[in-house]
Every structure is written in C-alpha cells, then in structure tokens.
Amino acid sequence: MATRKKAEDAPEERLEADRRRLELLAAQCGEEAGLHRPLNEVVGGVITGIPEETDLAQALSDRETSDILVHLLDQNREQVERALERLREGAYGVCEGCSRPIPEARLRFQPAATRCVECQSHWDRLNGRTA
C-alpha cells in the first residue's frame, strides 16, 4: 500500500511550491502597482496637468511601497532557491554558518532556512536586518 508523503517529508516539493508562489505574488504586486509602466500612466495623467502635490506624493509613496514589497518577495524567492540548491548538493538541513544540523522543527517552520537560529541571528545583525 502506497503512503502519501507529508509536506515535511518532501522539502523539495514544498520549496518549489513556495518559489512559484513568491514569483507569482511579486509579478501580481508589480503589475497591480504599475511598477513596469511609466508613473504618468499609473496615476492617470496627473503628472501632465497641474498636479496636486499630495496626489503626486501619494502616488510616489504607493509606488515606493510596492517596489519594496516586490523586492522583499524577490529576496524570499532567492532564499528558497538557495535552499533548493543546497538540497540538490546534499547539504540541505546543514547550517551554512556553523555546519551543524539545523533543527527539524526550524526546517518544518521555515523550509528555506539555510542557517540555524543562532547563525541567522548573527547574520541578520551583521547585515542590518531585523525580524
């Protein structure tokens, strides 16, 4: 009798699904925010007339926020791709920082993790990132 694999038993499948989902979200967010179109098209011609400063400022702020969101989604996708690469190399579940095994609970919670919590915290501090 065949048994079905649980998500935690098949990290590659879960990581691939996460990668596809992040790509789709970034594309949808960028499209909805008009990040690939001139700002004038996105704000409906406000720039060509005499713009209300608040309208233009809001449009620029919204665009910047969307750009940051797409950038964060891309960073998450890159982390998933790094975990997939480590999986193919046979190094999945081994910390990039200290070479110790990454706890199973961490991999269940964050399958794209390539560092243990201690090494990730250290890396985040060095790179100015916060949780």
C-alpha atoms as a PDB file:
ATOM      1  CA  MET A   1       0.000   0.000   0.000  1.00  0.00           C
ATOM      2  CA  ALA A   2       1.445   3.369  -1.033  1.00  0.00           C
ATOM      3  CA  THR A   3       1.661   6.093   1.561  1.00  0.00           C
ATOM      4  CA  ARG A   4       1.442   9.779   0.839  1.00  0.00           C
ATOM      5  CA  LYS A   5       4.409  11.930   1.765  1.00  0.00           C
ATOM      6  CA  LYS A   6       3.773  14.687   4.254  1.00  0.00           C
ATOM      7  CA  ALA A   7       4.952  18.207   3.363  1.00  0.00           C
ATOM      8  CA  GLU A   8       7.780  17.933   5.912  1.00  0.00           C
ATOM      9  CA  ASP A   9       8.924  14.663   4.307  1.00  0.00           C
ATOM     10  CA  ALA A  10       9.215  16.320   0.892  1.00  0.00           C
ATOM     11  CA  PRO A  11      11.109  19.598   1.308  1.00  0.00           C
ATOM     12  CA  GLU A  12      11.820  19.903  -2.414  1.00  0.00           C
ATOM     13  CA  GLU A  13       8.117  19.863  -3.303  1.00  0.00           C
ATOM     14  CA  ARG A  14       7.294  22.428  -0.633  1.00  0.00           C
ATOM     15  CA  LEU A  15      10.219  24.667  -1.619  1.00  0.00           C
ATOM     16  CA  GLU A  16       9.297  24.513  -5.314  1.00  0.00           C
ATOM     17  CA  ALA A  17       5.697  25.416  -4.463  1.00  0.00           C
ATOM     18  CA  ASP A  18       6.925  28.312  -2.298  1.00  0.00           C
ATOM     19  CA  ARG A  19       9.204  29.534  -5.118  1.00  0.00           C
ATOM     20  CA  ARG A  20       6.345  29.510  -7.630  1.00  0.00           C
ATOM     21  CA  ARG A  21       4.022  31.267  -5.181  1.00  0.00           C
ATOM     22  CA  LEU A  22       6.586  34.006  -4.452  1.00  0.00           C
ATOM     23  CA  GLU A  23       7.233  34.564  -8.173  1.00  0.00           C
ATOM     24  CA  LEU A  24       3.501  34.888  -8.812  1.00  0.00           C
ATOM     25  CA  LEU A  25       2.945  37.256  -5.878  1.00  0.00           C
ATOM     26  CA  ALA A  26       5.832  39.509  -6.956  1.00  0.00           C
ATOM     27  CA  ALA A  27       4.567  39.616 -10.540  1.00  0.00           C
ATOM     28  CA  GLN A  28       0.984  40.343  -9.447  1.00  0.00           C
ATOM     29  CA  CYS A  29       2.058  43.027  -6.998  1.00  0.00           C
ATOM     30  CA  GLY A  30       4.306  44.685  -9.579  1.00  0.00           C
ATOM     31  CA  GLU A  31       1.578  44.573 -12.205  1.00  0.00           C
ATOM     32  CA  GLU A  32      -1.127  45.878  -9.890  1.00  0.00           C
ATOM     33  CA  ALA A  33       1.109  48.723  -8.718  1.00  0.00           C
ATOM     34  CA  GLY A  34       2.178  49.511 -12.278  1.00  0.00           C
ATOM     35  CA  LEU A  35       5.873  49.153 -11.487  1.00  0.00           C
ATOM     36  CA  HIS A  36       6.632  48.246 -15.107  1.00  0.00           C
ATOM     37  CA  ARG A  37       4.763  51.233 -16.556  1.00  0.00           C
ATOM     38  CA  PRO A  38       5.639  54.928 -16.544  1.00  0.00           C
ATOM     39  CA  LEU A  39       4.395  56.733 -13.437  1.00  0.00           C
ATOM     40  CA  ASN A  40       2.266  59.022 -15.606  1.00  0.00           C
ATOM     41  CA  GLU A  41       0.196  56.040 -16.789  1.00  0.00           C
ATOM     42  CA  VAL A  42      -0.222  54.733 -13.266  1.00  0.00           C
ATOM     43  CA  VAL A  43      -1.553  57.977 -11.817  1.00  0.00           C
ATOM     44  CA  GLY A  44      -3.890  58.664 -14.751  1.00  0.00           C
ATOM     45  CA  GLY A  45      -2.172  61.654 -16.244  1.00  0.00           C
ATOM     46  CA  VAL A  46      -1.887  63.600 -13.000  1.00  0.00           C
ATOM     47  CA  ILE A  47       1.706  64.493 -13.830  1.00  0.00           C
ATOM     48  CA  THR A  48       0.897  66.095 -17.194  1.00  0.00           C
ATOM     49  CA  GLY A  49      -1.623  68.514 -15.683  1.00  0.00           C
ATOM     50  CA  ILE A  50      -1.068  70.751 -12.725  1.00  0.00           C
ATOM     51  CA  PRO A  51      -0.764  68.044 -10.085  1.00  0.00           C
ATOM     52  CA  GLU A  52      -1.966  68.361  -6.592  1.00  0.00           C
ATOM     53  CA  GLU A  53       1.195  67.892  -4.593  1.00  0.00           C
ATOM     54  CA  THR A  54      -0.500  65.434  -2.251  1.00  0.00           C
ATOM     55  CA  ASP A  55      -1.767  63.291  -5.162  1.00  0.00           C
ATOM     56  CA  LEU A  56       1.707  63.069  -6.666  1.00  0.00           C
ATOM     57  CA  ALA A  57       3.312  62.454  -3.282  1.00  0.00           C
ATOM     58  CA  GLN A  58       0.791  59.684  -2.543  1.00  0.00           C
ATOM     59  CA  ALA A  59       1.379  58.081  -5.954  1.00  0.00           C
ATOM     60  CA  LEU A  60       5.146  58.150  -5.420  1.00  0.00           C
ATOM     61  CA  SER A  61       4.790  56.778  -1.886  1.00  0.00           C
ATOM     62  CA  ASP A  62       2.487  53.968  -3.033  1.00  0.00           C
ATOM     63  CA  ARG A  63       4.863  53.075  -5.839  1.00  0.00           C
ATOM     64  CA  GLU A  64       7.852  53.015  -3.485  1.00  0.00           C
ATOM     65  CA  THR A  65       5.961  50.807  -1.015  1.00  0.00           C
ATOM     66  CA  SER A  66       5.022  48.382  -3.795  1.00  0.00           C
ATOM     67  CA  ASP A  67       8.603  48.357  -5.064  1.00  0.00           C
ATOM     68  CA  ILE A  68       9.861  47.477  -1.570  1.00  0.00           C
ATOM     69  CA  LEU A  69       7.278  44.690  -1.283  1.00  0.00           C
ATOM     70  CA  VAL A  70       8.301  43.208  -4.645  1.00  0.00           C
ATOM     71  CA  HIS A  71      11.965  43.431  -3.580  1.00  0.00           C
ATOM     72  CA  LEU A  72      11.208  41.545  -0.336  1.00  0.00           C
ATOM     73  CA  LEU A  73       9.282  38.874  -2.241  1.00  0.00           C
ATOM     74  CA  ASP A  74      12.257  38.510  -4.595  1.00  0.00           C
ATOM     75  CA  GLN A  75      14.625  38.153  -1.629  1.00  0.00           C
ATOM     76  CA  ASN A  76      12.408  35.418  -0.176  1.00  0.00           C
ATOM     77  CA  ARG A  77      12.327  33.651  -3.558  1.00  0.00           C
ATOM     78  CA  GLU A  78      16.140  33.824  -3.748  1.00  0.00           C
ATOM     79  CA  GLN A  79      16.353  32.248  -0.271  1.00  0.00           C
ATOM     80  CA  VAL A  80      14.038  29.435  -1.398  1.00  0.00           C
ATOM     81  CA  GLU A  81      16.215  28.920  -4.492  1.00  0.00           C
ATOM     82  CA  ARG A  82      19.320  28.793  -2.243  1.00  0.00           C
ATOM     83  CA  ALA A  83      17.657  26.097  -0.119  1.00  0.00           C
ATOM     84  CA  LEU A  84      16.761  24.134  -3.281  1.00  0.00           C
ATOM     85  CA  GLU A  85      20.374  24.402  -4.420  1.00  0.00           C
ATOM     86  CA  ARG A  86      21.583  23.075  -1.062  1.00  0.00           C
ATOM     87  CA  LEU A  87      19.045  20.255  -1.323  1.00  0.00           C
ATOM     88  CA  ARG A  88      20.469  19.239  -4.714  1.00  0.00           C
ATOM     89  CA  GLU A  89      24.017  19.481  -3.312  1.00  0.00           C
ATOM     90  CA  GLY A  90      23.064  17.203  -0.409  1.00  0.00           C
ATOM     91  CA  ALA A  91      23.662  19.991   2.122  1.00  0.00           C
ATOM     92  CA  TYR A  92      20.015  20.746   2.972  1.00  0.00           C
ATOM     93  CA  GLY A  93      19.490  20.881   6.719  1.00  0.00           C
ATOM     94  CA  VAL A  94      23.135  21.728   7.436  1.00  0.00           C
ATOM     95  CA  CYS A  95      23.820  25.267   8.647  1.00  0.00           C
ATOM     96  CA  GLU A  96      25.832  27.419   6.237  1.00  0.00           C
ATOM     97  CA  GLY A  97      27.404  29.210   9.189  1.00  0.00           C
ATOM     98  CA  CYS A  98      28.460  26.541  11.672  1.00  0.00           C
ATOM     99  CA  SER A  99      27.958  23.328   9.669  1.00  0.00           C
ATOM    100  CA  ARG A 100      25.809  21.828  12.415  1.00  0.00           C
ATOM    101  CA  PRO A 101      22.428  20.265  11.632  1.00  0.00           C
ATOM    102  CA  ILE A 102      19.535  22.728  11.511  1.00  0.00           C
ATOM    103  CA  PRO A 103      16.873  21.563  13.980  1.00  0.00           C
ATOM    104  CA  GLU A 104      13.988  19.661  12.394  1.00  0.00           C
ATOM    105  CA  ALA A 105      11.415  21.989  13.975  1.00  0.00           C
ATOM    106  CA  ARG A 106      13.075  25.004  12.304  1.00  0.00           C
ATOM    107  CA  LEU A 107      13.008  23.319   8.897  1.00  0.00           C
ATOM    108  CA  ARG A 108       9.331  22.418   9.358  1.00  0.00           C
ATOM    109  CA  PHE A 109       8.532  26.040  10.240  1.00  0.00           C
ATOM    110  CA  GLN A 110      10.920  27.600   7.690  1.00  0.00           C
ATOM    111  CA  PRO A 111      11.842  25.074   4.974  1.00  0.00           C
ATOM    112  CA  ALA A 112      14.012  27.650   3.173  1.00  0.00           C
ATOM    113  CA  ALA A 113      16.276  28.075   6.204  1.00  0.00           C
ATOM    114  CA  THR A 114      19.951  27.607   5.377  1.00  0.00           C
ATOM    115  CA  ARG A 115      21.233  28.664   8.813  1.00  0.00           C
ATOM    116  CA  CYS A 116      20.420  27.649  12.377  1.00  0.00           C
ATOM    117  CA  VAL A 117      18.668  30.281  14.512  1.00  0.00           C
ATOM    118  CA  GLU A 118      21.910  31.391  16.197  1.00  0.00           C
ATOM    119  CA  CYS A 119      23.809  31.829  12.902  1.00  0.00           C
ATOM    120  CA  GLN A 120      20.793  33.504  11.244  1.00  0.00           C
ATOM    121  CA  SER A 121      20.535  35.984  14.129  1.00  0.00           C
ATOM    122  CA  HIS A 122      24.242  36.766  13.817  1.00  0.00           C
ATOM    123  CA  TRP A 123      23.928  37.174  10.021  1.00  0.00           C
ATOM    124  CA  ASP A 124      20.887  39.445  10.448  1.00  0.00           C
ATOM    125  CA  ARG A 125      22.781  41.677  12.897  1.00  0.00           C
ATOM    126  CA  LEU A 126      25.799  41.915  10.581  1.00  0.00           C
ATOM    127  CA  ASN A 127      23.579  42.807   7.627  1.00  0.00           C
ATOM    128  CA  GLY A 128      21.360  45.282   9.487  1.00  0.00           C
ATOM    129  CA  ARG A 129      18.235  43.166   9.280  1.00  0.00           C
ATOM    130  CA  THR A 130      15.570  42.881  11.913  1.00  0.00           C
ATOM    131  CA  ALA A 131      12.897  40.278  12.431  1.00  0.00           C
END
